[in-house]
């Protein structure tokens, strides 16, 4: 559009300026040009951590073994 709208004697210069302008705009956009405000919000939570207490109780019954002697000592479980 720039080339078509420019006079015949200045088309090369107009096209070059358009390319340089697009390159500059792209460079600024890719570098992360930002219009955001530079404010910092700090939130302080005054909450104390709750202590964790773990109670592990494992109850394992004692094995019951009955001794039976048949042709020598032999152990047999009751269960």
N, C-alpha and C. Protein backbone atom coordinates (compact mmCIF):
# COMPACT_ATOMS: atom_id res chain seq x y z
N UNK A 1 0.83 -1.17 0.00
CA UNK A 1 0.00 0.00 0.00
C UNK A 1 0.89 1.24 0.00
N UNK A 2 1.97 1.17 0.73
CA UNK A 2 2.86 2.33 0.77
C UNK A 2 3.49 2.57 -0.60
N UNK A 3 3.88 1.49 -1.23
CA UNK A 3 4.50 1.62 -2.54
C UNK A 3 3.50 2.14 -3.57
N UNK A 4 2.26 1.68 -3.51
CA UNK A 4 1.25 2.11 -4.48
C UNK A 4 0.80 3.54 -4.23
N UNK A 5 0.79 3.99 -2.98
CA UNK A 5 0.31 5.33 -2.66
C UNK A 5 1.39 6.39 -2.81
N UNK A 6 2.63 5.99 -2.90
CA UNK A 6 3.73 6.95 -3.01
C UNK A 6 3.90 7.39 -4.47
N UNK A 7 4.45 8.61 -4.65
CA UNK A 7 4.77 9.03 -6.02
C UNK A 7 5.88 8.15 -6.59
N UNK A 8 5.99 8.06 -7.86
CA UNK A 8 6.93 7.16 -8.52
C UNK A 8 8.37 7.46 -8.16
N UNK A 9 8.71 8.69 -7.92
CA UNK A 9 10.11 9.02 -7.62
C UNK A 9 10.50 8.67 -6.19
N UNK A 10 9.55 8.52 -5.25
CA UNK A 10 9.89 8.26 -3.84
C UNK A 10 9.45 6.92 -3.34
N UNK A 11 9.08 6.00 -4.21
CA UNK A 11 8.59 4.70 -3.77
C UNK A 11 9.65 3.90 -3.03
N UNK A 12 10.87 3.94 -3.50
CA UNK A 12 11.94 3.18 -2.86
C UNK A 12 12.19 3.69 -1.45
N UNK A 13 12.22 5.01 -1.30
CA UNK A 13 12.46 5.61 0.02
C UNK A 13 11.29 5.34 0.95
N UNK A 14 10.06 5.44 0.48
CA UNK A 14 8.87 5.20 1.30
C UNK A 14 8.81 3.75 1.76
N UNK A 15 9.14 2.83 0.86
CA UNK A 15 9.15 1.42 1.23
C UNK A 15 10.22 1.12 2.26
N UNK A 16 11.40 1.71 2.11
CA UNK A 16 12.47 1.52 3.08
C UNK A 16 12.11 2.06 4.46
N UNK A 17 11.48 3.23 4.49
CA UNK A 17 11.06 3.80 5.78
C UNK A 17 9.98 2.94 6.44
N UNK A 18 9.09 2.39 5.63
CA UNK A 18 8.04 1.53 6.18
C UNK A 18 8.65 0.25 6.78
N UNK A 19 9.64 -0.31 6.11
CA UNK A 19 10.29 -1.52 6.62
C UNK A 19 11.04 -1.21 7.91
N UNK A 20 11.75 -0.07 7.96
CA UNK A 20 12.45 0.31 9.19
C UNK A 20 11.49 0.56 10.35
N UNK A 21 10.34 1.17 10.05
CA UNK A 21 9.35 1.43 11.10
C UNK A 21 8.77 0.12 11.63
N UNK A 22 8.46 -0.80 10.75
CA UNK A 22 7.94 -2.11 11.18
C UNK A 22 8.99 -2.88 11.99
N UNK A 23 10.24 -2.80 11.60
CA UNK A 23 11.30 -3.49 12.33
C UNK A 23 11.47 -2.89 13.73
N UNK A 24 11.41 -1.57 13.83
CA UNK A 24 11.54 -0.92 15.14
C UNK A 24 10.37 -1.28 16.04
N UNK A 25 9.16 -1.29 15.49
CA UNK A 25 7.98 -1.63 16.29
C UNK A 25 8.04 -3.09 16.74
N UNK A 26 8.48 -3.96 15.86
CA UNK A 26 8.59 -5.37 16.23
C UNK A 26 9.65 -5.59 17.30
N UNK A 27 10.76 -4.88 17.19
CA UNK A 27 11.83 -5.01 18.18
C UNK A 27 11.34 -4.58 19.55
N UNK A 28 10.62 -3.46 19.62
CA UNK A 28 10.09 -3.01 20.91
C UNK A 28 9.07 -3.99 21.47
N UNK A 29 8.24 -4.54 20.60
CA UNK A 29 7.22 -5.50 21.07
C UNK A 29 7.87 -6.78 21.56
N UNK A 30 8.89 -7.25 20.86
CA UNK A 30 9.53 -8.50 21.26
C UNK A 30 10.40 -8.35 22.49
N UNK A 31 10.86 -7.15 22.78
CA UNK A 31 11.66 -6.92 23.99
C UNK A 31 10.79 -6.82 25.22
N UNK A 32 9.49 -6.83 25.07
CA UNK A 32 8.58 -6.80 26.21
C UNK A 32 8.26 -5.40 26.66
N UNK A 33 8.05 -4.49 25.75
CA UNK A 33 7.64 -3.13 26.10
C UNK A 33 6.32 -3.22 26.84
N UNK A 34 6.29 -2.68 28.02
CA UNK A 34 5.11 -2.83 28.85
C UNK A 34 4.66 -1.47 29.36
N UNK A 35 3.37 -1.26 29.36
CA UNK A 35 2.81 -0.02 29.89
C UNK A 35 2.17 -0.26 31.25
N UNK A 36 2.47 -1.40 31.85
CA UNK A 36 1.92 -1.71 33.17
C UNK A 36 2.59 -0.86 34.24
N UNK A 37 1.86 -0.58 35.29
CA UNK A 37 2.43 0.18 36.39
C UNK A 37 3.39 -0.71 37.18
N UNK A 38 4.35 -0.10 37.81
CA UNK A 38 5.33 -0.87 38.57
C UNK A 38 5.01 -0.78 40.06
N UNK A 39 3.85 -1.34 40.45
CA UNK A 39 3.47 -1.34 41.85
C UNK A 39 3.72 -2.73 42.43
N UNK A 40 3.97 -2.76 43.73
CA UNK A 40 4.23 -4.01 44.43
C UNK A 40 3.28 -4.11 45.60
N UNK A 41 2.56 -5.20 45.69
CA UNK A 41 1.60 -5.41 46.77
C UNK A 41 2.13 -6.55 47.64
N UNK A 42 2.30 -6.27 48.92
CA UNK A 42 2.78 -7.28 49.86
C UNK A 42 1.65 -7.64 50.80
N UNK A 43 1.33 -8.90 50.89
CA UNK A 43 0.29 -9.38 51.79
C UNK A 43 0.96 -10.17 52.90
N UNK A 44 0.70 -9.76 54.14
CA UNK A 44 1.30 -10.43 55.29
C UNK A 44 0.22 -11.23 56.00
N UNK A 45 0.36 -12.53 56.02
CA UNK A 45 -0.57 -13.40 56.73
C UNK A 45 0.04 -13.74 58.08
N UNK A 46 -0.67 -13.38 59.15
CA UNK A 46 -0.18 -13.65 60.49
C UNK A 46 -0.82 -14.92 61.04
N UNK A 47 -0.63 -16.02 60.36
CA UNK A 47 -1.20 -17.30 60.76
C UNK A 47 -0.08 -18.20 61.25
N UNK A 48 -0.26 -18.73 62.44
CA UNK A 48 0.74 -19.62 63.01
C UNK A 48 0.47 -21.04 62.54
N UNK A 49 1.50 -21.78 62.20
CA UNK A 49 1.28 -23.16 61.75
C UNK A 49 0.84 -24.05 62.91
N UNK A 50 -0.05 -24.97 62.62
CA UNK A 50 -0.55 -25.90 63.62
C UNK A 50 0.42 -27.08 63.72
N UNK A 51 0.88 -27.40 64.94
CA UNK A 51 1.81 -28.54 65.06
C UNK A 51 1.08 -29.85 64.75
N UNK A 52 1.76 -30.72 64.08
CA UNK A 52 1.20 -32.01 63.69
C UNK A 52 1.73 -33.08 64.63
N UNK A 53 0.81 -33.84 65.20
CA UNK A 53 1.19 -34.92 66.09
C UNK A 53 0.70 -36.23 65.50
N UNK A 54 1.61 -37.17 65.36
CA UNK A 54 1.28 -38.47 64.80
C UNK A 54 1.45 -39.52 65.87
N UNK A 55 0.39 -40.27 66.11
CA UNK A 55 0.44 -41.37 67.07
C UNK A 55 0.23 -42.66 66.29
N UNK A 56 1.23 -43.47 66.25
CA UNK A 56 1.10 -44.73 65.53
C UNK A 56 1.13 -45.88 66.54
N UNK A 57 0.03 -46.59 66.61
CA UNK A 57 -0.08 -47.76 67.48
C UNK A 57 -0.40 -48.95 66.60
N UNK A 58 0.49 -49.91 66.59
CA UNK A 58 0.29 -51.12 65.80
C UNK A 58 0.19 -52.28 66.78
N UNK A 59 -0.94 -52.95 66.74
CA UNK A 59 -1.17 -54.07 67.64
C UNK A 59 -1.11 -55.36 66.83
N UNK A 60 -0.13 -56.18 67.14
CA UNK A 60 0.04 -57.46 66.47
C UNK A 60 -0.11 -58.55 67.53
N UNK A 61 -1.05 -59.46 67.34
CA UNK A 61 -1.21 -60.52 68.36
C UNK A 61 -0.03 -61.48 68.32
N UNK A 62 0.27 -62.03 69.47
CA UNK A 62 1.36 -62.99 69.56
C UNK A 62 0.92 -64.30 68.89
N UNK A 63 1.80 -64.94 68.14
CA UNK A 63 1.41 -66.21 67.51
C UNK A 63 1.24 -67.30 68.57
N UNK A 64 0.21 -68.11 68.38
CA UNK A 64 -0.03 -69.23 69.29
C UNK A 64 0.47 -70.49 68.61
N UNK A 65 1.39 -71.14 69.24
CA UNK A 65 1.97 -72.36 68.68
C UNK A 65 1.77 -73.49 69.68
N UNK A 66 1.27 -74.59 69.17
CA UNK A 66 1.04 -75.76 70.02
C UNK A 66 2.08 -76.81 69.65
N UNK A 67 2.68 -77.39 70.63
CA UNK A 67 3.73 -78.37 70.38
C UNK A 67 3.13 -79.79 70.41
N UNK A 68 3.35 -80.46 69.31
CA UNK A 68 2.86 -81.83 69.20
C UNK A 68 4.06 -82.71 68.89
N UNK A 69 4.23 -83.75 69.68
CA UNK A 69 5.36 -84.65 69.44
C UNK A 69 4.84 -85.97 68.89
N UNK A 70 5.07 -86.19 67.63
CA UNK A 70 4.77 -87.46 66.99
C UNK A 70 6.02 -87.85 66.24
N UNK A 71 6.64 -88.88 66.66
CA UNK A 71 7.90 -89.33 66.06
C UNK A 71 8.94 -88.22 66.10
N UNK A 72 9.02 -87.48 67.17
CA UNK A 72 10.01 -86.42 67.32
C UNK A 72 9.31 -85.08 67.48
N UNK A 73 10.09 -84.06 67.79
CA UNK A 73 9.50 -82.74 67.99
C UNK A 73 8.97 -82.16 66.68
N UNK A 74 7.75 -81.59 66.73
CA UNK A 74 7.12 -80.98 65.55
C UNK A 74 6.28 -79.79 66.05
N UNK A 75 6.34 -78.69 65.34
CA UNK A 75 5.55 -77.52 65.72
C UNK A 75 4.40 -77.36 64.74
N UNK A 76 3.22 -77.05 65.28
CA UNK A 76 2.06 -76.86 64.43
C UNK A 76 1.32 -75.62 64.90
N UNK A 77 0.86 -74.79 64.02
CA UNK A 77 0.13 -73.57 64.38
C UNK A 77 -1.30 -73.90 64.70
N UNK A 78 -1.90 -73.19 65.65
CA UNK A 78 -3.28 -73.41 66.03
C UNK A 78 -4.21 -72.77 65.01
N UNK A 79 -3.78 -71.71 64.37
CA UNK A 79 -4.65 -70.97 63.43
C UNK A 79 -4.93 -71.73 62.20
